[in-house]
Amino acid sequence: MNTLFWLVVTAVVVHGLIAGISFDVATVKLPTRKRIGVTAYAQFARGNDLGNGVLVYPTIAILALLLVAGATLAAHLTHRSDAVMFPLFAACGGTIAHFLCTALAAPNMLSLRSVSNDEAFLARKLDAFATWHGYRTLFQFLTFVALVWALVAINQVA
């Protein structure tokens, strides 16, 4: 197997991890705030997302970006067919969209770090985060699908 194949396999794994984490947050963790209240959820988020999450999430996201960019560049430099390039370009677009949504979601979560437990403020921030996180989750899933598509295309051409 060649370098492109392994770059895409690794990108699929990393993007699958990101998509899974985001799906868990969107469907399990964020809805919890409606059951336990925004103050309790904000306290949880301070320990989780603003604890280890501050290091783990950006590290995985940057790795995912580098893998998609590296795979797309490797495919371009080796003159791969449109059948391979199209899903890789789609994955690049999804990755960029994911980062843009993160740029809009993250400040809402980060604002919880040093704010008091004003329920109205916390509710606004968590609602805004949930909205942008939902879009981000969608783009992460679509990027994962595009990378699987690229992997299939690479195997069909090889």
N, C-alpha and C. Protein backbone atom coordinates (compact mmCIF):
# COMPACT_ATOMS: atom_id res chain seq x y z
N MET A 1 0.83 -1.18 0.00
CA MET A 1 0.00 0.00 0.00
C MET A 1 0.88 1.25 0.00
N ASN A 2 0.37 2.31 -0.62
CA ASN A 2 1.18 3.51 -0.75
C ASN A 2 0.87 4.55 0.34
N THR A 3 1.63 5.62 0.33
CA THR A 3 1.52 6.67 1.34
C THR A 3 0.14 7.30 1.34
N LEU A 4 -0.41 7.56 0.16
CA LEU A 4 -1.73 8.17 0.09
C LEU A 4 -2.77 7.29 0.79
N PHE A 5 -2.73 6.01 0.52
CA PHE A 5 -3.67 5.09 1.14
C PHE A 5 -3.61 5.21 2.66
N TRP A 6 -2.40 5.18 3.23
CA TRP A 6 -2.27 5.22 4.68
C TRP A 6 -2.62 6.59 5.26
N LEU A 7 -2.36 7.64 4.52
CA LEU A 7 -2.79 8.97 4.97
C LEU A 7 -4.32 9.03 5.07
N VAL A 8 -4.98 8.50 4.05
CA VAL A 8 -6.44 8.54 4.05
C VAL A 8 -7.01 7.60 5.12
N VAL A 9 -6.41 6.43 5.29
CA VAL A 9 -6.87 5.52 6.36
C VAL A 9 -6.76 6.21 7.71
N THR A 10 -5.63 6.84 7.96
CA THR A 10 -5.44 7.54 9.23
C THR A 10 -6.41 8.70 9.37
N ALA A 11 -6.64 9.43 8.28
CA ALA A 11 -7.62 10.53 8.30
C ALA A 11 -9.02 10.01 8.60
N VAL A 12 -9.38 8.88 8.01
CA VAL A 12 -10.69 8.27 8.28
C VAL A 12 -10.82 7.95 9.78
N VAL A 13 -9.80 7.36 10.35
CA VAL A 13 -9.84 6.99 11.77
C VAL A 13 -9.97 8.23 12.65
N VAL A 14 -9.14 9.24 12.38
CA VAL A 14 -9.16 10.45 13.21
C VAL A 14 -10.48 11.21 13.03
N HIS A 15 -10.93 11.34 11.80
CA HIS A 15 -12.21 12.03 11.57
C HIS A 15 -13.39 11.22 12.12
N GLY A 16 -13.29 9.90 12.08
CA GLY A 16 -14.31 9.08 12.71
C GLY A 16 -14.37 9.32 14.21
N LEU A 17 -13.20 9.45 14.82
CA LEU A 17 -13.12 9.74 16.25
C LEU A 17 -13.76 11.10 16.55
N ILE A 18 -13.41 12.09 15.76
CA ILE A 18 -13.98 13.43 15.96
C ILE A 18 -15.49 13.41 15.77
N ALA A 19 -15.94 12.78 14.71
CA ALA A 19 -17.39 12.71 14.45
C ALA A 19 -18.10 11.99 15.59
N GLY A 20 -17.50 10.93 16.11
CA GLY A 20 -18.10 10.20 17.22
C GLY A 20 -18.17 11.03 18.49
N ILE A 21 -17.10 11.72 18.79
CA ILE A 21 -17.09 12.60 19.97
C ILE A 21 -18.16 13.67 19.82
N SER A 22 -18.22 14.29 18.66
CA SER A 22 -19.19 15.36 18.44
C SER A 22 -20.62 14.85 18.51
N PHE A 23 -20.85 13.64 17.96
CA PHE A 23 -22.18 13.04 18.03
C PHE A 23 -22.58 12.81 19.49
N ASP A 24 -21.64 12.32 20.30
CA ASP A 24 -21.89 12.10 21.72
C ASP A 24 -22.24 13.41 22.42
N VAL A 25 -21.48 14.44 22.14
CA VAL A 25 -21.75 15.74 22.77
C VAL A 25 -23.13 16.25 22.35
N ALA A 26 -23.43 16.18 21.04
CA ALA A 26 -24.68 16.72 20.53
C ALA A 26 -25.91 15.95 20.99
N THR A 27 -25.80 14.64 21.12
CA THR A 27 -26.98 13.83 21.40
C THR A 27 -27.09 13.34 22.84
N VAL A 28 -25.97 13.36 23.58
CA VAL A 28 -26.00 12.86 24.95
C VAL A 28 -25.70 13.98 25.95
N LYS A 29 -24.56 14.63 25.79
CA LYS A 29 -24.12 15.59 26.79
C LYS A 29 -24.93 16.89 26.76
N LEU A 30 -25.05 17.54 25.60
CA LEU A 30 -25.75 18.83 25.57
C LEU A 30 -27.22 18.74 25.97
N PRO A 31 -27.96 17.71 25.58
CA PRO A 31 -29.35 17.62 26.05
C PRO A 31 -29.47 17.49 27.58
N THR A 32 -28.41 17.06 28.23
CA THR A 32 -28.42 16.90 29.68
C THR A 32 -28.68 18.23 30.38
N ARG A 33 -28.27 19.32 29.77
CA ARG A 33 -28.45 20.62 30.42
C ARG A 33 -29.92 20.94 30.64
N LYS A 34 -30.80 20.37 29.81
CA LYS A 34 -32.24 20.58 29.98
C LYS A 34 -32.76 19.82 31.21
N ARG A 35 -32.10 18.72 31.56
CA ARG A 35 -32.54 17.91 32.69
C ARG A 35 -31.92 18.35 34.02
N ILE A 36 -30.65 18.75 33.99
CA ILE A 36 -29.99 19.08 35.26
C ILE A 36 -29.88 20.58 35.49
N GLY A 37 -30.20 21.38 34.49
CA GLY A 37 -30.12 22.83 34.63
C GLY A 37 -28.79 23.38 34.12
N VAL A 38 -28.84 24.63 33.71
CA VAL A 38 -27.66 25.22 33.07
C VAL A 38 -26.51 25.43 34.04
N THR A 39 -26.80 25.71 35.30
CA THR A 39 -25.71 25.94 36.26
C THR A 39 -24.93 24.64 36.49
N ALA A 40 -25.65 23.56 36.70
CA ALA A 40 -24.97 22.27 36.90
C ALA A 40 -24.22 21.85 35.64
N TYR A 41 -24.84 22.08 34.48
CA TYR A 41 -24.16 21.70 33.24
C TYR A 41 -22.92 22.57 33.02
N ALA A 42 -23.02 23.86 33.32
CA ALA A 42 -21.85 24.74 33.16
C ALA A 42 -20.71 24.28 34.06
N GLN A 43 -21.04 23.84 35.26
CA GLN A 43 -20.01 23.31 36.17
C GLN A 43 -19.36 22.07 35.56
N PHE A 44 -20.18 21.19 35.01
CA PHE A 44 -19.65 19.99 34.33
C PHE A 44 -18.75 20.41 33.16
N ALA A 45 -19.21 21.35 32.33
CA ALA A 45 -18.45 21.79 31.16
C ALA A 45 -17.12 22.40 31.58
N ARG A 46 -17.11 23.12 32.69
CA ARG A 46 -15.86 23.70 33.17
C ARG A 46 -14.84 22.61 33.50
N GLY A 47 -15.31 21.52 34.03
CA GLY A 47 -14.40 20.42 34.37
C GLY A 47 -14.05 19.56 33.17
N ASN A 48 -14.96 19.42 32.23
CA ASN A 48 -14.78 18.54 31.07
C ASN A 48 -14.17 19.29 29.87
N ASP A 49 -14.95 20.14 29.28
CA ASP A 49 -14.52 20.84 28.07
C ASP A 49 -13.42 21.86 28.34
N LEU A 50 -13.48 22.49 29.49
CA LEU A 50 -12.46 23.49 29.83
C LEU A 50 -11.36 22.89 30.69
N GLY A 51 -11.43 21.59 30.92
CA GLY A 51 -10.35 20.86 31.60
C GLY A 51 -9.49 20.22 30.54
N ASN A 52 -9.52 18.89 30.47
CA ASN A 52 -8.72 18.18 29.47
C ASN A 52 -9.14 18.51 28.04
N GLY A 53 -10.40 18.88 27.86
CA GLY A 53 -10.89 19.19 26.52
C GLY A 53 -10.15 20.32 25.85
N VAL A 54 -9.63 21.26 26.63
CA VAL A 54 -8.90 22.39 26.06
C VAL A 54 -7.65 21.93 25.31
N LEU A 55 -7.08 20.85 25.74
CA LEU A 55 -5.90 20.30 25.07
C LEU A 55 -6.27 19.20 24.06
N VAL A 56 -7.15 18.30 24.46
CA VAL A 56 -7.47 17.14 23.62
C VAL A 56 -8.18 17.53 22.33
N TYR A 57 -9.25 18.31 22.44
CA TYR A 57 -10.06 18.62 21.25
C TYR A 57 -9.28 19.37 20.17
N PRO A 58 -8.56 20.44 20.51
CA PRO A 58 -7.79 21.12 19.46
C PRO A 58 -6.68 20.26 18.85
N THR A 59 -6.06 19.41 19.68
CA THR A 59 -5.00 18.54 19.18
C THR A 59 -5.54 17.58 18.13
N ILE A 60 -6.68 16.96 18.43
CA ILE A 60 -7.28 16.03 17.47
C ILE A 60 -7.72 16.78 16.21
N ALA A 61 -8.29 17.95 16.37
CA ALA A 61 -8.77 18.73 15.22
C ALA A 61 -7.61 19.15 14.31
N ILE A 62 -6.52 19.58 14.89
CA ILE A 62 -5.36 19.99 14.09
C ILE A 62 -4.76 18.77 13.38
N LEU A 63 -4.68 17.65 14.07
CA LEU A 63 -4.20 16.42 13.44
C LEU A 63 -5.10 16.05 12.25
N ALA A 64 -6.40 16.14 12.44
CA ALA A 64 -7.35 15.83 11.36
C ALA A 64 -7.14 16.76 10.17
N LEU A 65 -6.96 18.05 10.43
CA LEU A 65 -6.72 19.02 9.37
C LEU A 65 -5.44 18.68 8.60
N LEU A 66 -4.38 18.38 9.33
CA LEU A 66 -3.11 18.06 8.68
C LEU A 66 -3.20 16.78 7.84
N LEU A 67 -3.95 15.80 8.33
CA LEU A 67 -4.10 14.55 7.57
C LEU A 67 -4.89 14.77 6.29
N VAL A 68 -5.97 15.53 6.36
CA VAL A 68 -6.76 15.80 5.15
C VAL A 68 -5.95 16.62 4.16
N ALA A 69 -5.27 17.64 4.64
CA ALA A 69 -4.45 18.47 3.75
C ALA A 69 -3.32 17.64 3.15
N GLY A 70 -2.66 16.83 3.97
CA GLY A 70 -1.57 15.98 3.47
C GLY A 70 -2.04 14.97 2.45
N ALA A 71 -3.18 14.35 2.70
CA ALA A 71 -3.71 13.37 1.76
C ALA A 71 -4.11 14.04 0.45
N THR A 72 -4.73 15.19 0.54
CA THR A 72 -5.14 15.91 -0.68
C THR A 72 -3.92 16.36 -1.48
N LEU A 73 -2.91 16.85 -0.80
CA LEU A 73 -1.68 17.26 -1.49
C LEU A 73 -0.98 16.06 -2.11
N ALA A 74 -0.90 14.96 -1.38
CA ALA A 74 -0.28 13.75 -1.92
C ALA A 74 -1.03 13.25 -3.15
N ALA A 75 -2.35 13.30 -3.11
CA ALA A 75 -3.15 12.86 -4.26
C ALA A 75 -2.93 13.78 -5.45
N HIS A 76 -2.86 15.07 -5.17
CA HIS A 76 -2.62 16.04 -6.26
C HIS A 76 -1.24 15.84 -6.88
N LEU A 77 -0.23 15.68 -6.04
CA LEU A 77 1.15 15.55 -6.54
C LEU A 77 1.36 14.24 -7.31
N THR A 78 0.56 13.24 -7.02
CA THR A 78 0.67 11.96 -7.73
C THR A 78 -0.36 11.86 -8.86
N HIS A 79 -0.99 12.99 -9.18
CA HIS A 79 -1.90 13.09 -10.33
C HIS A 79 -3.03 12.07 -10.27
N ARG A 80 -3.68 11.98 -9.12
CA ARG A 80 -4.80 11.05 -8.98
C ARG A 80 -6.00 11.54 -9.78
N SER A 81 -6.86 10.61 -10.10
CA SER A 81 -8.03 10.91 -10.92
C SER A 81 -9.03 11.77 -10.15
N ASP A 82 -9.98 12.33 -10.90
CA ASP A 82 -11.05 13.11 -10.27
C ASP A 82 -11.86 12.27 -9.30
N ALA A 83 -11.95 10.97 -9.55
CA ALA A 83 -12.68 10.08 -8.66
C ALA A 83 -12.08 10.06 -7.26
N VAL A 84 -10.78 10.31 -7.15
CA VAL A 84 -10.10 10.39 -5.86
C VAL A 84 -10.07 11.84 -5.37
N MET A 85 -9.82 12.77 -6.27
CA MET A 85 -9.67 14.17 -5.87
C MET A 85 -10.97 14.79 -5.38
N PHE A 86 -12.08 14.45 -6.02
CA PHE A 86 -13.35 15.08 -5.63
C PHE A 86 -13.70 14.83 -4.17
N PRO A 87 -13.68 13.57 -3.70
CA PRO A 87 -14.01 13.39 -2.28
C PRO A 87 -12.95 13.99 -1.34
N LEU A 88 -11.70 14.04 -1.78
CA LEU A 88 -10.68 14.68 -0.94
C LEU A 88 -10.92 16.19 -0.85
N PHE A 89 -11.30 16.81 -1.98
CA PHE A 89 -11.64 18.23 -1.93
C PHE A 89 -12.88 18.46 -1.06
N ALA A 90 -13.85 17.55 -1.16
CA ALA A 90 -15.04 17.64 -0.30
C ALA A 90 -14.64 17.54 1.17
N ALA A 91 -13.71 16.64 1.48
CA ALA A 91 -13.23 16.50 2.86
C ALA A 91 -12.51 17.77 3.32
N CYS A 92 -11.76 18.38 2.42
CA CYS A 92 -11.12 19.66 2.76
C CYS A 92 -12.17 20.72 3.06
N GLY A 93 -13.19 20.79 2.22
CA GLY A 93 -14.27 21.75 2.45
C GLY A 93 -14.99 21.50 3.76
N GLY A 94 -15.25 20.23 4.06
CA GLY A 94 -15.89 19.89 5.33
C GLY A 94 -15.02 20.24 6.52
N THR A 95 -13.73 20.04 6.38
CA THR A 95 -12.80 20.38 7.46
C THR A 95 -12.76 21.88 7.68
N ILE A 96 -12.74 22.65 6.61
CA ILE A 96 -12.75 24.11 6.74
C ILE A 96 -14.06 24.56 7.40
N ALA A 97 -15.18 23.99 6.96
CA ALA A 97 -16.48 24.34 7.55
C ALA A 97 -16.51 23.98 9.03
N HIS A 98 -15.92 22.83 9.37
CA HIS A 98 -15.85 22.41 10.78
C HIS A 98 -15.06 23.43 11.59
N PHE A 99 -13.94 23.90 11.06
CA PHE A 99 -13.14 24.89 11.78
C PHE A 99 -13.87 26.22 11.91
N LEU A 100 -14.61 26.62 10.88
CA LEU A 100 -15.39 27.87 10.97
C LEU A 100 -16.48 27.75 12.04
N CYS A 101 -17.15 26.63 12.07
CA CYS A 101 -18.17 26.42 13.11
C CYS A 101 -17.54 26.38 14.49
N THR A 102 -16.37 25.79 14.60
CA THR A 102 -15.66 25.77 15.87
C THR A 102 -15.30 27.19 16.31
N ALA A 103 -14.90 28.02 15.35
CA ALA A 103 -14.56 29.41 15.67
C ALA A 103 -15.77 30.17 16.22
N LEU A 104 -16.97 29.73 15.85
CA LEU A 104 -18.19 30.37 16.36
C LEU A 104 -18.71 29.67 17.62
N ALA A 105 -18.43 28.39 17.78
CA ALA A 105 -18.89 27.64 18.97
C ALA A 105 -17.98 27.86 20.17
N ALA A 106 -16.68 27.78 19.94
CA ALA A 106 -15.71 27.78 21.04
C ALA A 106 -15.79 29.00 21.96
N PRO A 107 -15.92 30.22 21.43
CA PRO A 107 -15.99 31.36 22.36
C PRO A 107 -17.14 31.26 23.37
N ASN A 108 -18.23 30.64 22.95
CA ASN A 108 -19.36 30.47 23.87
C ASN A 108 -18.99 29.54 25.02
N MET A 109 -18.32 28.44 24.70
CA MET A 109 -17.90 27.51 25.75
C MET A 109 -16.80 28.14 26.60
N LEU A 110 -15.84 28.79 25.96
CA LEU A 110 -14.74 29.38 26.70
C LEU A 110 -15.21 30.49 27.64
N SER A 111 -16.32 31.14 27.30
CA SER A 111 -16.84 32.22 28.15
C SER A 111 -17.35 31.69 29.49
N LEU A 112 -17.58 30.40 29.59
CA LEU A 112 -18.06 29.82 30.85
C LEU A 112 -16.96 29.75 31.90
N ARG A 113 -15.73 29.87 31.45
CA ARG A 113 -14.58 29.69 32.33
C ARG A 113 -14.61 30.66 33.52
N SER A 114 -14.88 31.91 33.26
CA SER A 114 -14.72 32.90 34.32
C SER A 114 -15.99 33.68 34.62
N VAL A 115 -17.13 33.11 34.34
CA VAL A 115 -18.38 33.81 34.58
C VAL A 115 -19.07 33.22 35.81
N SER A 116 -19.84 34.06 36.45
CA SER A 116 -20.61 33.56 37.60
C SER A 116 -21.73 32.65 37.08
N ASN A 117 -22.51 32.14 37.97
CA ASN A 117 -23.58 31.22 37.59
C ASN A 117 -24.89 31.96 37.29
N ASP A 118 -24.81 33.00 36.49
CA ASP A 118 -25.99 33.72 36.02
C ASP A 118 -26.72 32.83 35.01
N GLU A 119 -27.87 32.29 35.41
CA GLU A 119 -28.55 31.30 34.59
C GLU A 119 -28.93 31.81 33.20
N ALA A 120 -29.36 33.06 33.10
CA ALA A 120 -29.75 33.60 31.79
C ALA A 120 -28.53 33.68 30.87
N PHE A 121 -27.42 34.14 31.39
CA PHE A 121 -26.20 34.22 30.60
C PHE A 121 -25.73 32.83 30.19
N LEU A 122 -25.70 31.90 31.15
CA LEU A 122 -25.26 30.53 30.86
C LEU A 122 -26.16 29.89 29.81
N ALA A 123 -27.46 30.09 29.92
CA ALA A 123 -28.40 29.51 28.95
C ALA A 123 -28.13 30.06 27.55
N ARG A 124 -27.92 31.36 27.43
CA ARG A 124 -27.62 31.96 26.11
C ARG A 124 -26.34 31.38 25.53
N LYS A 125 -25.31 31.30 26.34
CA LYS A 125 -24.02 30.79 25.86
C LYS A 125 -24.09 29.32 25.49
N LEU A 126 -24.75 28.52 26.31
CA LEU A 126 -24.86 27.09 26.01
C LEU A 126 -25.77 26.83 24.81
N ASP A 127 -26.82 27.63 24.65
CA ASP A 127 -27.67 27.49 23.47
C ASP A 127 -26.90 27.85 22.20
N ALA A 128 -26.13 28.93 22.26
CA ALA A 128 -25.33 29.32 21.09
C ALA A 128 -24.29 28.25 20.78
N PHE A 129 -23.64 27.74 21.83
CA PHE A 129 -22.67 26.66 21.62
C PHE A 129 -23.34 25.46 20.97
N ALA A 130 -24.50 25.06 21.50
CA ALA A 130 -25.21 23.88 20.97
C ALA A 130 -25.56 24.06 19.50
N THR A 131 -25.99 25.25 19.12
CA THR A 131 -26.34 25.51 17.72
C THR A 131 -25.13 25.31 16.82
N TRP A 132 -24.03 25.98 17.15
CA TRP A 132 -22.83 25.88 16.31
C TRP A 132 -22.22 24.49 16.39
N HIS A 133 -22.33 23.85 17.54
CA HIS A 133 -21.82 22.49 17.65
C HIS A 133 -22.63 21.53 16.76
N GLY A 134 -23.92 21.77 16.65
CA GLY A 134 -24.75 20.94 15.77
C GLY A 134 -24.29 21.04 14.32
N TYR A 135 -24.02 22.26 13.86
CA TYR A 135 -23.50 22.43 12.50
C TYR A 135 -22.13 21.78 12.35
N ARG A 136 -21.32 21.97 13.36
CA ARG A 136 -19.97 21.39 13.34
C ARG A 136 -20.05 19.86 13.25
N THR A 137 -20.93 19.26 14.00
CA THR A 137 -21.11 17.81 13.98
C THR A 137 -21.51 17.34 12.59
N LEU A 138 -22.42 18.07 11.96
CA LEU A 138 -22.85 17.73 10.60
C LEU A 138 -21.66 17.75 9.64
N PHE A 139 -20.86 18.81 9.69
CA PHE A 139 -19.70 18.90 8.80
C PHE A 139 -18.66 17.83 9.10
N GLN A 140 -18.50 17.48 10.36
CA GLN A 140 -17.55 16.43 10.70
C GLN A 140 -18.01 15.08 10.16
N PHE A 141 -19.30 14.81 10.27
CA PHE A 141 -19.84 13.56 9.73
C PHE A 141 -19.68 13.53 8.21
N LEU A 142 -20.00 14.63 7.53
CA LEU A 142 -19.87 14.68 6.07
C LEU A 142 -18.42 14.53 5.64
N THR A 143 -17.50 15.10 6.40
CA THR A 143 -16.08 14.94 6.11
C THR A 143 -15.66 13.49 6.25
N PHE A 144 -16.13 12.83 7.29
CA PHE A 144 -15.84 11.42 7.48
C PHE A 144 -16.35 10.60 6.29
N VAL A 145 -17.57 10.87 5.86
CA VAL A 145 -18.15 10.17 4.70
C VAL A 145 -17.31 10.42 3.46
N ALA A 146 -16.89 11.66 3.24
CA ALA A 146 -16.07 11.99 2.07
C ALA A 146 -14.74 11.24 2.11
N LEU A 147 -14.16 11.11 3.27
CA LEU A 147 -12.89 10.39 3.39
C LEU A 147 -13.06 8.89 3.14
N VAL A 148 -14.15 8.32 3.61
CA VAL A 148 -14.42 6.91 3.31
C VAL A 148 -14.60 6.75 1.80
N TRP A 149 -15.32 7.67 1.20
CA TRP A 149 -15.51 7.68 -0.26
C TRP A 149 -14.16 7.74 -0.97
N ALA A 150 -13.26 8.62 -0.50
CA ALA A 150 -11.93 8.75 -1.09
C ALA A 150 -11.16 7.43 -0.96
N LEU A 151 -11.27 6.80 0.18
CA LEU A 151 -10.59 5.53 0.42
C LEU A 151 -11.09 4.45 -0.55
N VAL A 152 -12.39 4.41 -0.75
CA VAL A 152 -12.96 3.45 -1.71
C VAL A 152 -12.45 3.76 -3.10
N ALA A 153 -12.42 5.05 -3.47
CA ALA A 153 -11.95 5.45 -4.79
C ALA A 153 -10.48 5.08 -4.99
N ILE A 154 -9.68 5.26 -3.98
CA ILE A 154 -8.24 4.92 -4.06
C ILE A 154 -8.09 3.41 -4.29
N ASN A 155 -8.87 2.64 -3.58
CA ASN A 155 -8.78 1.17 -3.73
C ASN A 155 -9.29 0.70 -5.08
N GLN A 156 -10.25 1.38 -5.65
CA GLN A 156 -10.76 0.99 -6.96
C GLN A 156 -9.78 1.30 -8.07
N VAL A 157 -9.03 2.36 -7.90
CA VAL A 157 -8.06 2.78 -8.92
C VAL A 157 -6.79 1.93 -8.82
N ALA A 158 -6.43 1.55 -7.60
CA ALA A 158 -5.17 0.83 -7.37
C ALA A 158 -5.14 -0.53 -7.95
